[in-house]
Amino acid sequence: PADAREQKVEGKVLFEIIFDEDGDIEKKEIIESIGYGCEEEAIRVLDRKNDLEIKGAKKDGKRVKSKILFPVRFNLM
């Protein structure tokens, strides 16, 4: 994000994501934050979950709810 770039902010936004049995995001919560518009950008990325190739979990061959920690890293280049 422009604000983060201007302030030379790097770091990660960490989400806890709960997936339903179909692999769709049921809930997402920010666990770690760095500000400067990074959270909004990370949410935009998560809203494109299908592009990230995240699939739902299986246990004993059946689809189950699952929870992961998902970091979105921001680095200046």
PDB file of N, CA and C in Angstrom:
ATOM      1  N   PRO A   1       0.822  -1.200   0.000  1.00  0.00           N
ATOM      2  CA  PRO A   1       0.000   0.000   0.000  1.00  0.00           C
ATOM      3  C   PRO A   1       0.869   1.269   0.000  1.00  0.00           C
ATOM      4  N   ALA A   2       0.361   2.317  -0.582  1.00  0.00           N
ATOM      5  CA  ALA A   2       1.123   3.560  -0.706  1.00  0.00           C
ATOM      6  C   ALA A   2       1.558   4.109   0.647  1.00  0.00           C
ATOM      7  N   ASP A   3       0.660   4.090   1.643  1.00  0.00           N
ATOM      8  CA  ASP A   3       1.026   4.611   2.972  1.00  0.00           C
ATOM      9  C   ASP A   3       2.201   3.841   3.568  1.00  0.00           C
ATOM     10  N   ALA A   4       2.176   2.533   3.451  1.00  0.00           N
ATOM     11  CA  ALA A   4       3.266   1.708   3.995  1.00  0.00           C
ATOM     12  C   ALA A   4       4.567   1.994   3.259  1.00  0.00           C
ATOM     13  N   ARG A   5       4.491   2.144   1.952  1.00  0.00           N
ATOM     14  CA  ARG A   5       5.686   2.434   1.151  1.00  0.00           C
ATOM     15  C   ARG A   5       6.274   3.785   1.552  1.00  0.00           C
ATOM     16  N   GLU A   6       5.426   4.800   1.689  1.00  0.00           N
ATOM     17  CA  GLU A   6       5.897   6.143   2.060  1.00  0.00           C
ATOM     18  C   GLU A   6       6.558   6.149   3.440  1.00  0.00           C
ATOM     19  N   GLN A   7       6.022   5.371   4.365  1.00  0.00           N
ATOM     20  CA  GLN A   7       6.552   5.320   5.725  1.00  0.00           C
ATOM     21  C   GLN A   7       7.640   4.250   5.900  1.00  0.00           C
ATOM     22  N   LYS A   8       7.959   3.557   4.796  1.00  0.00           N
ATOM     23  CA  LYS A   8       8.973   2.492   4.809  1.00  0.00           C
ATOM     24  C   LYS A   8       8.648   1.397   5.835  1.00  0.00           C
ATOM     25  N   VAL A   9       7.372   0.993   5.849  1.00  0.00           N
ATOM     26  CA  VAL A   9       6.906  -0.027   6.775  1.00  0.00           C
ATOM     27  C   VAL A   9       6.955  -1.396   6.098  1.00  0.00           C
ATOM     28  N   GLU A  10       7.574  -2.349   6.777  1.00  0.00           N
ATOM     29  CA  GLU A  10       7.591  -3.734   6.334  1.00  0.00           C
ATOM     30  C   GLU A  10       7.095  -4.600   7.487  1.00  0.00           C
ATOM     31  N   GLY A  11       6.662  -5.802   7.175  1.00  0.00           N
ATOM     32  CA  GLY A  11       6.237  -6.723   8.213  1.00  0.00           C
ATOM     33  C   GLY A  11       5.167  -7.646   7.698  1.00  0.00           C
ATOM     34  N   LYS A  12       4.425  -8.213   8.633  1.00  0.00           N
ATOM     35  CA  LYS A  12       3.376  -9.142   8.221  1.00  0.00           C
ATOM     36  C   LYS A  12       2.075  -8.846   8.945  1.00  0.00           C
ATOM     37  N   VAL A  13       1.011  -9.184   8.259  1.00  0.00           N
ATOM     38  CA  VAL A  13      -0.321  -9.188   8.832  1.00  0.00           C
ATOM     39  C   VAL A  13      -0.659 -10.664   8.993  1.00  0.00           C
ATOM     40  N   LEU A  14      -1.008 -11.084  10.191  1.00  0.00           N
ATOM     41  CA  LEU A  14      -1.283 -12.488  10.461  1.00  0.00           C
ATOM     42  C   LEU A  14      -2.772 -12.675  10.718  1.00  0.00           C
ATOM     43  N   PHE A  15      -3.354 -13.586   9.967  1.00  0.00           N
ATOM     44  CA  PHE A  15      -4.773 -13.904  10.090  1.00  0.00           C
ATOM     45  C   PHE A  15      -4.961 -15.286  10.672  1.00  0.00           C
ATOM     46  N   GLU A  16      -6.017 -15.452  11.426  1.00  0.00           N
ATOM     47  CA  GLU A  16      -6.528 -16.775  11.756  1.00  0.00           C
ATOM     48  C   GLU A  16      -7.739 -16.950  10.852  1.00  0.00           C
ATOM     49  N   ILE A  17      -7.731 -18.020  10.076  1.00  0.00           N
ATOM     50  CA  ILE A  17      -8.809 -18.254   9.112  1.00  0.00           C
ATOM     51  C   ILE A  17      -9.482 -19.574   9.441  1.00  0.00           C
ATOM     52  N   ILE A  18     -10.799 -19.549   9.488  1.00  0.00           N
ATOM     53  CA  ILE A  18     -11.587 -20.762   9.681  1.00  0.00           C
ATOM     54  C   ILE A  18     -12.303 -21.063   8.368  1.00  0.00           C
ATOM     55  N   PHE A  19     -12.087 -22.293   7.886  1.00  0.00           N
ATOM     56  CA  PHE A  19     -12.720 -22.755   6.652  1.00  0.00           C
ATOM     57  C   PHE A  19     -13.869 -23.694   6.995  1.00  0.00           C
ATOM     58  N   ASP A  20     -14.931 -23.621   6.210  1.00  0.00           N
ATOM     59  CA  ASP A  20     -16.018 -24.583   6.392  1.00  0.00           C
ATOM     60  C   ASP A  20     -15.659 -25.893   5.684  1.00  0.00           C
ATOM     61  N   GLU A  21     -16.578 -26.832   5.698  1.00  0.00           N
ATOM     62  CA  GLU A  21     -16.319 -28.145   5.102  1.00  0.00           C
ATOM     63  C   GLU A  21     -16.062 -28.085   3.598  1.00  0.00           C
ATOM     64  N   ASP A  22     -16.559 -27.054   2.930  1.00  0.00           N
ATOM     65  CA  ASP A  22     -16.356 -26.922   1.486  1.00  0.00           C
ATOM     66  C   ASP A  22     -15.072 -26.182   1.135  1.00  0.00           C
ATOM     67  N   GLY A  23     -14.334 -25.723   2.156  1.00  0.00           N
ATOM     68  CA  GLY A  23     -13.096 -24.995   1.900  1.00  0.00           C
ATOM     69  C   GLY A  23     -13.302 -23.503   1.722  1.00  0.00           C
ATOM     70  N   ASP A  24     -14.513 -23.027   1.956  1.00  0.00           N
ATOM     71  CA  ASP A  24     -14.785 -21.591   1.867  1.00  0.00           C
ATOM     72  C   ASP A  24     -14.461 -20.933   3.204  1.00  0.00           C
ATOM     73  N   ILE A  25     -14.026 -19.673   3.141  1.00  0.00           N
ATOM     74  CA  ILE A  25     -13.700 -18.953   4.368  1.00  0.00           C
ATOM     75  C   ILE A  25     -14.986 -18.655   5.136  1.00  0.00           C
ATOM     76  N   GLU A  26     -15.039 -19.148   6.358  1.00  0.00           N
ATOM     77  CA  GLU A  26     -16.180 -18.908   7.235  1.00  0.00           C
ATOM     78  C   GLU A  26     -15.929 -17.680   8.107  1.00  0.00           C
ATOM     79  N   LYS A  27     -14.685 -17.533   8.543  1.00  0.00           N
ATOM     80  CA  LYS A  27     -14.329 -16.411   9.412  1.00  0.00           C
ATOM     81  C   LYS A  27     -12.852 -16.110   9.249  1.00  0.00           C
ATOM     82  N   LYS A  28     -12.512 -14.826   9.268  1.00  0.00           N
ATOM     83  CA  LYS A  28     -11.106 -14.417   9.264  1.00  0.00           C
ATOM     84  C   LYS A  28     -10.927 -13.327  10.301  1.00  0.00           C
ATOM     85  N   GLU A  29      -9.858 -13.446  11.056  1.00  0.00           N
ATOM     86  CA  GLU A  29      -9.604 -12.498  12.125  1.00  0.00           C
ATOM     87  C   GLU A  29      -8.133 -12.099  12.088  1.00  0.00           C
ATOM     88  N   ILE A  30      -7.874 -10.808  12.218  1.00  0.00           N
ATOM     89  CA  ILE A  30      -6.497 -10.320  12.242  1.00  0.00           C
ATOM     90  C   ILE A  30      -5.917 -10.580  13.625  1.00  0.00           C
ATOM     91  N   ILE A  31      -4.778 -11.277  13.658  1.00  0.00           N
ATOM     92  CA  ILE A  31      -4.086 -11.609  14.904  1.00  0.00           C
ATOM     93  C   ILE A  31      -2.928 -10.643  15.140  1.00  0.00           C
ATOM     94  N   GLU A  32      -2.199 -10.303  14.073  1.00  0.00           N
ATOM     95  CA  GLU A  32      -1.099  -9.331  14.126  1.00  0.00           C
ATOM     96  C   GLU A  32      -1.325  -8.292  13.043  1.00  0.00           C
ATOM     97  N   SER A  33      -0.971  -7.065  13.349  1.00  0.00           N
ATOM     98  CA  SER A  33      -1.234  -5.963  12.430  1.00  0.00           C
ATOM     99  C   SER A  33      -0.039  -5.019  12.390  1.00  0.00           C
ATOM    100  N   ILE A  34       0.189  -4.382  11.227  1.00  0.00           N
ATOM    101  CA  ILE A  34       1.264  -3.387  11.135  1.00  0.00           C
ATOM    102  C   ILE A  34       0.755  -2.019  10.684  1.00  0.00           C
ATOM    103  N   GLY A  35      -0.520  -1.916  10.351  1.00  0.00           N
ATOM    104  CA  GLY A  35      -1.103  -0.626   9.990  1.00  0.00           C
ATOM    105  C   GLY A  35      -0.748  -0.153   8.588  1.00  0.00           C
ATOM    106  N   TYR A  36      -0.941   1.122   8.329  1.00  0.00           N
ATOM    107  CA  TYR A  36      -0.599   1.800   7.076  1.00  0.00           C
ATOM    108  C   TYR A  36      -1.274   1.198   5.850  1.00  0.00           C
ATOM    109  N   GLY A  37      -2.472   0.669   6.014  1.00  0.00           N
ATOM    110  CA  GLY A  37      -3.239   0.125   4.893  1.00  0.00           C
ATOM    111  C   GLY A  37      -2.925  -1.323   4.568  1.00  0.00           C
ATOM    112  N   CYS A  38      -2.005  -1.931   5.310  1.00  0.00           N
ATOM    113  CA  CYS A  38      -1.618  -3.311   5.024  1.00  0.00           C
ATOM    114  C   CYS A  38      -2.747  -4.292   5.315  1.00  0.00           C
ATOM    115  N   GLU A  39      -3.526  -4.052   6.363  1.00  0.00           N
ATOM    116  CA  GLU A  39      -4.624  -4.955   6.692  1.00  0.00           C
ATOM    117  C   GLU A  39      -5.647  -4.995   5.568  1.00  0.00           C
ATOM    118  N   GLU A  40      -5.987  -3.829   5.042  1.00  0.00           N
ATOM    119  CA  GLU A  40      -6.965  -3.763   3.965  1.00  0.00           C
ATOM    120  C   GLU A  40      -6.455  -4.502   2.734  1.00  0.00           C
ATOM    121  N   GLU A  41      -5.172  -4.344   2.432  1.00  0.00           N
ATOM    122  CA  GLU A  41      -4.593  -5.033   1.282  1.00  0.00           C
ATOM    123  C   GLU A  41      -4.562  -6.539   1.513  1.00  0.00           C
ATOM    124  N   ALA A  42      -4.246  -6.967   2.724  1.00  0.00           N
ATOM    125  CA  ALA A  42      -4.230  -8.392   3.047  1.00  0.00           C
ATOM    126  C   ALA A  42      -5.634  -8.985   2.929  1.00  0.00           C
ATOM    127  N   ILE A  43      -6.647  -8.252   3.371  1.00  0.00           N
ATOM    128  CA  ILE A  43      -8.030  -8.718   3.243  1.00  0.00           C
ATOM    129  C   ILE A  43      -8.406  -8.847   1.775  1.00  0.00           C
ATOM    130  N   ARG A  44      -7.962  -7.896   0.958  1.00  0.00           N
ATOM    131  CA  ARG A  44      -8.232  -7.966  -0.484  1.00  0.00           C
ATOM    132  C   ARG A  44      -7.641  -9.249  -1.067  1.00  0.00           C
ATOM    133  N   VAL A  45      -6.435  -9.603  -0.632  1.00  0.00           N
ATOM    134  CA  VAL A  45      -5.795 -10.831  -1.105  1.00  0.00           C
ATOM    135  C   VAL A  45      -6.600 -12.053  -0.649  1.00  0.00           C
ATOM    136  N   LEU A  46      -7.010 -12.060   0.613  1.00  0.00           N
ATOM    137  CA  LEU A  46      -7.783 -13.197   1.124  1.00  0.00           C
ATOM    138  C   LEU A  46      -9.127 -13.337   0.420  1.00  0.00           C
ATOM    139  N   ASP A  47      -9.713 -12.233   0.023  1.00  0.00           N
ATOM    140  CA  ASP A  47     -10.997 -12.295  -0.678  1.00  0.00           C
ATOM    141  C   ASP A  47     -10.846 -12.951  -2.047  1.00  0.00           C
ATOM    142  N   ARG A  48      -9.606 -13.087  -2.515  1.00  0.00           N
ATOM    143  CA  ARG A  48      -9.329 -13.776  -3.778  1.00  0.00           C
ATOM    144  C   ARG A  48      -8.798 -15.179  -3.489  1.00  0.00           C
ATOM    145  N   LYS A  49      -9.314 -15.812  -2.443  1.00  0.00           N
ATOM    146  CA  LYS A  49      -8.834 -17.106  -1.950  1.00  0.00           C
ATOM    147  C   LYS A  49      -8.670 -18.142  -3.057  1.00  0.00           C
ATOM    148  N   ASN A  50      -9.554 -18.168  -4.014  1.00  0.00           N
ATOM    149  CA  ASN A  50      -9.466 -19.181  -5.067  1.00  0.00           C
ATOM    150  C   ASN A  50      -8.163 -19.074  -5.846  1.00  0.00           C
ATOM    151  N   ASP A  51      -7.615 -17.872  -5.958  1.00  0.00           N
ATOM    152  CA  ASP A  51      -6.341 -17.684  -6.643  1.00  0.00           C
ATOM    153  C   ASP A  51      -5.176 -18.198  -5.810  1.00  0.00           C
ATOM    154  N   LEU A  52      -5.376 -18.396  -4.498  1.00  0.00           N
ATOM    155  CA  LEU A  52      -4.309 -18.827  -3.603  1.00  0.00           C
ATOM    156  C   LEU A  52      -4.184 -20.346  -3.509  1.00  0.00           C
ATOM    157  N   GLU A  53      -5.108 -21.066  -4.127  1.00  0.00           N
ATOM    158  CA  GLU A  53      -5.105 -22.528  -4.118  1.00  0.00           C
ATOM    159  C   GLU A  53      -5.171 -23.102  -2.703  1.00  0.00           C
ATOM    160  N   ILE A  54      -5.946 -22.478  -1.823  1.00  0.00           N
ATOM    161  CA  ILE A  54      -6.179 -23.024  -0.493  1.00  0.00           C
ATOM    162  C   ILE A  54      -7.382 -23.946  -0.596  1.00  0.00           C
ATOM    163  N   LYS A  55      -7.218 -25.162  -0.112  1.00  0.00           N
ATOM    164  CA  LYS A  55      -8.304 -26.132  -0.183  1.00  0.00           C
ATOM    165  C   LYS A  55      -8.734 -26.505   1.224  1.00  0.00           C
ATOM    166  N   GLY A  56      -9.944 -26.997   1.327  1.00  0.00           N
ATOM    167  CA  GLY A  56     -10.453 -27.423   2.614  1.00  0.00           C
ATOM    168  C   GLY A  56      -9.730 -28.664   3.116  1.00  0.00           C
ATOM    169  N   ALA A  57      -9.872 -28.926   4.409  1.00  0.00           N
ATOM    170  CA  ALA A  57      -9.204 -30.062   5.032  1.00  0.00           C
ATOM    171  C   ALA A  57     -10.089 -31.302   4.982  1.00  0.00           C
ATOM    172  N   LYS A  58      -9.408 -32.453   5.053  1.00  0.00           N
ATOM    173  CA  LYS A  58     -10.115 -33.730   5.126  1.00  0.00           C
ATOM    174  C   LYS A  58      -9.578 -34.519   6.307  1.00  0.00           C
ATOM    175  N   LYS A  59     -10.476 -35.278   6.923  1.00  0.00           N
ATOM    176  CA  LYS A  59     -10.093 -36.192   7.993  1.00  0.00           C
ATOM    177  C   LYS A  59     -10.833 -37.499   7.746  1.00  0.00           C
ATOM    178  N   ASP A  60     -10.085 -38.570   7.696  1.00  0.00           N
ATOM    179  CA  ASP A  60     -10.663 -39.881   7.395  1.00  0.00           C
ATOM    180  C   ASP A  60     -11.470 -39.849   6.099  1.00  0.00           C
ATOM    181  N   GLY A  61     -10.985 -39.091   5.118  1.00  0.00           N
ATOM    182  CA  GLY A  61     -11.632 -39.026   3.812  1.00  0.00           C
ATOM    183  C   GLY A  61     -12.837 -38.113   3.732  1.00  0.00           C
ATOM    184  N   LYS A  62     -13.212 -37.493   4.850  1.00  0.00           N
ATOM    185  CA  LYS A  62     -14.369 -36.586   4.866  1.00  0.00           C
ATOM    186  C   LYS A  62     -13.896 -35.151   5.036  1.00  0.00           C
ATOM    187  N   ARG A  63     -14.606 -34.243   4.386  1.00  0.00           N
ATOM    188  CA  ARG A  63     -14.286 -32.824   4.526  1.00  0.00           C
ATOM    189  C   ARG A  63     -14.686 -32.341   5.918  1.00  0.00           C
ATOM    190  N   VAL A  64     -13.814 -31.554   6.531  1.00  0.00           N
ATOM    191  CA  VAL A  64     -14.063 -31.040   7.877  1.00  0.00           C
ATOM    192  C   VAL A  64     -13.719 -29.552   7.934  1.00  0.00           C
ATOM    193  N   LYS A  65     -14.272 -28.890   8.957  1.00  0.00           N
ATOM    194  CA  LYS A  65     -13.877 -27.509   9.218  1.00  0.00           C
ATOM    195  C   LYS A  65     -12.403 -27.500   9.584  1.00  0.00           C
ATOM    196  N   SER A  66     -11.729 -26.399   9.292  1.00  0.00           N
ATOM    197  CA  SER A  66     -10.312 -26.307   9.639  1.00  0.00           C
ATOM    198  C   SER A  66      -9.959 -24.863   9.975  1.00  0.00           C
ATOM    199  N   LYS A  67      -8.814 -24.732  10.640  1.00  0.00           N
ATOM    200  CA  LYS A  67      -8.343 -23.402  11.036  1.00  0.00           C
ATOM    201  C   LYS A  67      -6.850 -23.340  10.733  1.00  0.00           C
ATOM    202  N   ILE A  68      -6.418 -22.213  10.139  1.00  0.00           N
ATOM    203  CA  ILE A  68      -5.002 -22.015   9.862  1.00  0.00           C
ATOM    204  C   ILE A  68      -4.593 -20.615  10.287  1.00  0.00           C
ATOM    205  N   LEU A  69      -3.302 -20.427  10.481  1.00  0.00           N
ATOM    206  CA  LEU A  69      -2.724 -19.093  10.608  1.00  0.00           C
ATOM    207  C   LEU A  69      -2.122 -18.770   9.257  1.00  0.00           C
ATOM    208  N   PHE A  70      -2.474 -17.622   8.703  1.00  0.00           N
ATOM    209  CA  PHE A  70      -2.064 -17.260   7.346  1.00  0.00           C
ATOM    210  C   PHE A  70      -1.356 -15.910   7.384  1.00  0.00           C
ATOM    211  N   PRO A  71      -0.035 -15.876   7.143  1.00  0.00           N
ATOM    212  CA  PRO A  71       0.679 -14.601   7.125  1.00  0.00           C
ATOM    213  C   PRO A  71       0.657 -13.984   5.724  1.00  0.00           C
ATOM    214  N   VAL A  72       0.482 -12.677   5.677  1.00  0.00           N
ATOM    215  CA  VAL A  72       0.643 -11.920   4.435  1.00  0.00           C
ATOM    216  C   VAL A  72       1.796 -10.957   4.698  1.00  0.00           C
ATOM    217  N   ARG A  73       2.896 -11.152   3.989  1.00  0.00           N
ATOM    218  CA  ARG A  73       4.112 -10.373   4.234  1.00  0.00           C
ATOM    219  C   ARG A  73       4.200  -9.178   3.300  1.00  0.00           C
ATOM    220  N   PHE A  74       4.691  -8.079   3.846  1.00  0.00           N
ATOM    221  CA  PHE A  74       4.893  -6.857   3.084  1.00  0.00           C
ATOM    222  C   PHE A  74       6.369  -6.481   3.175  1.00  0.00           C
ATOM    223  N   ASN A  75       7.040  -6.459   2.027  1.00  0.00           N
ATOM    224  CA  ASN A  75       8.462  -6.124   1.964  1.00  0.00           C
ATOM    225  C   ASN A  75       8.682  -5.015   0.940  1.00  0.00           C
ATOM    226  N   LEU A  76       9.541  -4.090   1.270  1.00  0.00           N
ATOM    227  CA  LEU A  76       9.909  -3.028   0.340  1.00  0.00           C
ATOM    228  C   LEU A  76      10.969  -3.571  -0.617  1.00  0.00           C
ATOM    229  N   MET A  77      10.897  -3.130  -1.849  1.00  0.00           N
ATOM    230  CA  MET A  77      11.896  -3.562  -2.830  1.00  0.00           C
ATOM    231  C   MET A  77      12.593  -2.359  -3.399  1.00  0.00           C
TER     232      MET A  77
END
